[in-house]
Amino acid sequence: MSTIAKILLSSLAALLLCAAEGALFAADTAAAEPPHSIIVPYFDLNLQRPADVATLYHRIARAAASTCGARDLTVSDLAAPDYRPCIGVAIAQAVAQVDSQALSAYHDRQVALAAQRDPKIAQR
């Protein structure tokens, strides 16, 4: 994959993260903030290598976490109710946008592992 194609795909992934956040917070018109997005670069990675696929996935997950807002509610150690769904949607959409079989397979494994760790995720 050429460097230009990788840059374009990473830009699309960032745009997708922006769209995911906008969709999740569309009901909250009072905030009226412009959606946040983060460009997730991966021009330095070879998605034919499993280690690079994992690196890209973790970059996407970090970007999703930073665009989805605070994880914890301010007065407790409980996670904010929209945090997990926001992260899940943002990551899934970014992975789909990159359109790499290896990255999609890695994402599927991560979702399956998360469902094993937390049965509540599997029920959603």
C-alpha atoms as a PDB file:
ATOM      1  CA  MET A   1       0.000   0.000   0.000  1.00  0.00           C
ATOM      2  CA  SER A   2       1.444   3.357  -0.967  1.00  0.00           C
ATOM      3  CA  THR A   3       2.174   6.110   1.508  1.00  0.00           C
ATOM      4  CA  ILE A   4      -0.479   8.350  -0.049  1.00  0.00           C
ATOM      5  CA  ALA A   5      -3.099   5.625   0.296  1.00  0.00           C
ATOM      6  CA  LYS A   6      -2.147   5.084   3.936  1.00  0.00           C
ATOM      7  CA  ILE A   7      -2.406   8.801   4.660  1.00  0.00           C
ATOM      8  CA  LEU A   8      -5.791   8.971   2.967  1.00  0.00           C
ATOM      9  CA  LEU A   9      -7.037   5.946   4.884  1.00  0.00           C
ATOM     10  CA  SER A  10      -5.809   7.370   8.177  1.00  0.00           C
ATOM     11  CA  SER A  11      -7.607  10.621   7.410  1.00  0.00           C
ATOM     12  CA  LEU A  12     -10.769   8.668   6.688  1.00  0.00           C
ATOM     13  CA  ALA A  13     -10.374   6.794   9.971  1.00  0.00           C
ATOM     14  CA  ALA A  14     -10.111  10.105  11.811  1.00  0.00           C
ATOM     15  CA  LEU A  15     -13.174  11.391  10.015  1.00  0.00           C
ATOM     16  CA  LEU A  16     -14.997   8.240  11.030  1.00  0.00           C
ATOM     17  CA  LEU A  17     -14.069   8.778  14.659  1.00  0.00           C
ATOM     18  CA  CYS A  18     -15.499  12.270  14.360  1.00  0.00           C
ATOM     19  CA  ALA A  19     -18.724  10.935  12.865  1.00  0.00           C
ATOM     20  CA  ALA A  20     -19.061   8.303  15.595  1.00  0.00           C
ATOM     21  CA  GLU A  21     -18.739  10.880  18.306  1.00  0.00           C
ATOM     22  CA  GLY A  22     -21.217  13.157  16.567  1.00  0.00           C
ATOM     23  CA  ALA A  23     -23.755  10.358  16.288  1.00  0.00           C
ATOM     24  CA  LEU A  24     -23.401   9.403  19.926  1.00  0.00           C
ATOM     25  CA  PHE A  25     -23.834  12.940  21.166  1.00  0.00           C
ATOM     26  CA  ALA A  26     -26.358  14.194  18.607  1.00  0.00           C
ATOM     27  CA  ALA A  27     -29.155  14.038  21.166  1.00  0.00           C
ATOM     28  CA  ASP A  28     -27.313  16.463  23.407  1.00  0.00           C
ATOM     29  CA  THR A  29     -27.861  19.647  21.427  1.00  0.00           C
ATOM     30  CA  ALA A  30     -27.298  21.842  24.461  1.00  0.00           C
ATOM     31  CA  ALA A  31     -23.571  21.188  24.351  1.00  0.00           C
ATOM     32  CA  ALA A  32     -23.372  22.150  20.651  1.00  0.00           C
ATOM     33  CA  GLU A  33     -19.633  21.592  20.533  1.00  0.00           C
ATOM     34  CA  PRO A  34     -18.058  20.747  17.222  1.00  0.00           C
ATOM     35  CA  PRO A  35     -17.177  17.032  17.136  1.00  0.00           C
ATOM     36  CA  HIS A  36     -13.585  16.114  17.900  1.00  0.00           C
ATOM     37  CA  SER A  37     -11.496  14.003  15.636  1.00  0.00           C
ATOM     38  CA  ILE A  38      -7.994  12.690  15.686  1.00  0.00           C
ATOM     39  CA  ILE A  39      -5.904  11.638  12.736  1.00  0.00           C
ATOM     40  CA  VAL A  40      -4.463   8.203  13.372  1.00  0.00           C
ATOM     41  CA  PRO A  41      -1.315   7.947  11.295  1.00  0.00           C
ATOM     42  CA  TYR A  42      -0.097   4.571  10.142  1.00  0.00           C
ATOM     43  CA  PHE A  43       2.057   5.370   7.144  1.00  0.00           C
ATOM     44  CA  ASP A  44       4.955   3.953   9.153  1.00  0.00           C
ATOM     45  CA  LEU A  45       3.275   0.567   9.577  1.00  0.00           C
ATOM     46  CA  ASN A  46       3.090  -2.515   7.371  1.00  0.00           C
ATOM     47  CA  LEU A  47      -0.321  -4.089   7.897  1.00  0.00           C
ATOM     48  CA  GLN A  48       1.041  -7.399   6.638  1.00  0.00           C
ATOM     49  CA  ARG A  49       2.955  -7.680   9.931  1.00  0.00           C
ATOM     50  CA  PRO A  50       0.921  -8.734  13.000  1.00  0.00           C
ATOM     51  CA  ALA A  51       2.908  -6.445  15.317  1.00  0.00           C
ATOM     52  CA  ASP A  52       2.103  -3.442  13.133  1.00  0.00           C
ATOM     53  CA  VAL A  53      -1.580  -4.405  13.017  1.00  0.00           C
ATOM     54  CA  ALA A  54      -1.605  -4.465  16.828  1.00  0.00           C
ATOM     55  CA  THR A  55       0.162  -1.099  16.917  1.00  0.00           C
ATOM     56  CA  LEU A  56      -2.430   0.474  14.629  1.00  0.00           C
ATOM     57  CA  TYR A  57      -5.281  -1.010  16.642  1.00  0.00           C
ATOM     58  CA  HIS A  58      -3.890   0.440  19.843  1.00  0.00           C
ATOM     59  CA  ARG A  59      -3.448   3.833  18.170  1.00  0.00           C
ATOM     60  CA  ILE A  60      -7.089   3.726  17.070  1.00  0.00           C
ATOM     61  CA  ALA A  61      -8.199   2.717  20.572  1.00  0.00           C
ATOM     62  CA  ARG A  62      -6.245   5.594  22.150  1.00  0.00           C
ATOM     63  CA  ALA A  63      -7.725   8.041  19.655  1.00  0.00           C
ATOM     64  CA  ALA A  64     -11.224   6.741  20.360  1.00  0.00           C
ATOM     65  CA  ALA A  65     -10.653   7.068  24.104  1.00  0.00           C
ATOM     66  CA  SER A  66      -9.537  10.644  23.757  1.00  0.00           C
ATOM     67  CA  THR A  67     -12.496  11.612  21.565  1.00  0.00           C
ATOM     68  CA  CYS A  68     -15.121   9.892  23.703  1.00  0.00           C
ATOM     69  CA  GLY A  69     -14.591  12.130  26.701  1.00  0.00           C
ATOM     70  CA  ALA A  70     -14.051  11.306  30.328  1.00  0.00           C
ATOM     71  CA  ARG A  71     -14.145   7.621  31.199  1.00  0.00           C
ATOM     72  CA  ASP A  72     -15.146   8.084  34.827  1.00  0.00           C
ATOM     73  CA  LEU A  73     -17.992  10.008  36.320  1.00  0.00           C
ATOM     74  CA  THR A  74     -16.603  12.925  38.306  1.00  0.00           C
ATOM     75  CA  VAL A  75     -18.028  11.912  41.702  1.00  0.00           C
ATOM     76  CA  SER A  76     -17.354   8.168  41.643  1.00  0.00           C
ATOM     77  CA  ASP A  77     -15.193   5.445  40.209  1.00  0.00           C
ATOM     78  CA  LEU A  78     -18.016   4.293  37.943  1.00  0.00           C
ATOM     79  CA  ALA A  79     -17.519   4.513  34.220  1.00  0.00           C
ATOM     80  CA  ALA A  80     -19.655   7.070  32.396  1.00  0.00           C
ATOM     81  CA  PRO A  81     -22.579   5.211  30.748  1.00  0.00           C
ATOM     82  CA  ASP A  82     -21.841   6.366  27.180  1.00  0.00           C
ATOM     83  CA  TYR A  83     -18.100   5.781  27.373  1.00  0.00           C
ATOM     84  CA  ARG A  84     -17.943   2.101  26.374  1.00  0.00           C
ATOM     85  CA  PRO A  85     -20.485   2.366  23.563  1.00  0.00           C
ATOM     86  CA  CYS A  86     -18.696   5.436  22.203  1.00  0.00           C
ATOM     87  CA  ILE A  87     -15.339   3.652  22.242  1.00  0.00           C
ATOM     88  CA  GLY A  88     -16.800   0.535  20.646  1.00  0.00           C
ATOM     89  CA  VAL A  89     -18.476   2.413  17.822  1.00  0.00           C
ATOM     90  CA  ALA A  90     -15.478   4.645  17.158  1.00  0.00           C
ATOM     91  CA  ILE A  91     -13.045   1.721  17.013  1.00  0.00           C
ATOM     92  CA  ALA A  92     -15.328  -0.443  14.872  1.00  0.00           C
ATOM     93  CA  GLN A  93     -15.933   2.338  12.379  1.00  0.00           C
ATOM     94  CA  ALA A  94     -12.253   3.271  12.163  1.00  0.00           C
ATOM     95  CA  VAL A  95     -11.281  -0.381  11.652  1.00  0.00           C
ATOM     96  CA  ALA A  96     -13.887  -0.709   8.901  1.00  0.00           C
ATOM     97  CA  GLN A  97     -12.631   2.476   7.263  1.00  0.00           C
ATOM     98  CA  VAL A  98      -9.055   1.197   7.105  1.00  0.00           C
ATOM     99  CA  ASP A  99     -10.418  -1.857   5.259  1.00  0.00           C
ATOM    100  CA  SER A 100      -7.656  -4.291   6.180  1.00  0.00           C
ATOM    101  CA  GLN A 101      -8.474  -7.968   6.652  1.00  0.00           C
ATOM    102  CA  ALA A 102      -5.716  -8.320   9.215  1.00  0.00           C
ATOM    103  CA  LEU A 103      -6.922  -5.317  11.235  1.00  0.00           C
ATOM    104  CA  SER A 104     -10.551  -6.501  11.070  1.00  0.00           C
ATOM    105  CA  ALA A 105      -9.550  -9.956  12.294  1.00  0.00           C
ATOM    106  CA  TYR A 106      -7.526  -8.398  15.126  1.00  0.00           C
ATOM    107  CA  HIS A 107     -10.517  -6.248  16.083  1.00  0.00           C
ATOM    108  CA  ASP A 108     -12.822  -9.285  16.091  1.00  0.00           C
ATOM    109  CA  ARG A 109     -10.418 -11.096  18.439  1.00  0.00           C
ATOM    110  CA  GLN A 110     -10.278  -8.090  20.767  1.00  0.00           C
ATOM    111  CA  VAL A 111     -14.091  -7.855  20.901  1.00  0.00           C
ATOM    112  CA  ALA A 112     -14.332 -11.593  21.638  1.00  0.00           C
ATOM    113  CA  LEU A 113     -11.739 -11.328  24.417  1.00  0.00           C
ATOM    114  CA  ALA A 114     -13.548  -8.340  25.930  1.00  0.00           C
ATOM    115  CA  ALA A 115     -16.819 -10.279  25.877  1.00  0.00           C
ATOM    116  CA  GLN A 116     -15.145 -13.152  27.740  1.00  0.00           C
ATOM    117  CA  ARG A 117     -13.767 -10.768  30.368  1.00  0.00           C
ATOM    118  CA  ASP A 118     -17.004  -8.841  30.822  1.00  0.00           C
ATOM    119  CA  PRO A 119     -20.242 -10.776  30.198  1.00  0.00           C
ATOM    120  CA  LYS A 120     -22.210  -7.506  30.150  1.00  0.00           C
ATOM    121  CA  ILE A 121     -20.533  -6.631  26.841  1.00  0.00           C
ATOM    122  CA  ALA A 122     -21.741  -9.899  25.288  1.00  0.00           C
ATOM    123  CA  GLN A 123     -25.322  -9.089  26.316  1.00  0.00           C
ATOM    124  CA  ARG A 124     -25.397  -5.780  24.422  1.00  0.00           C
END
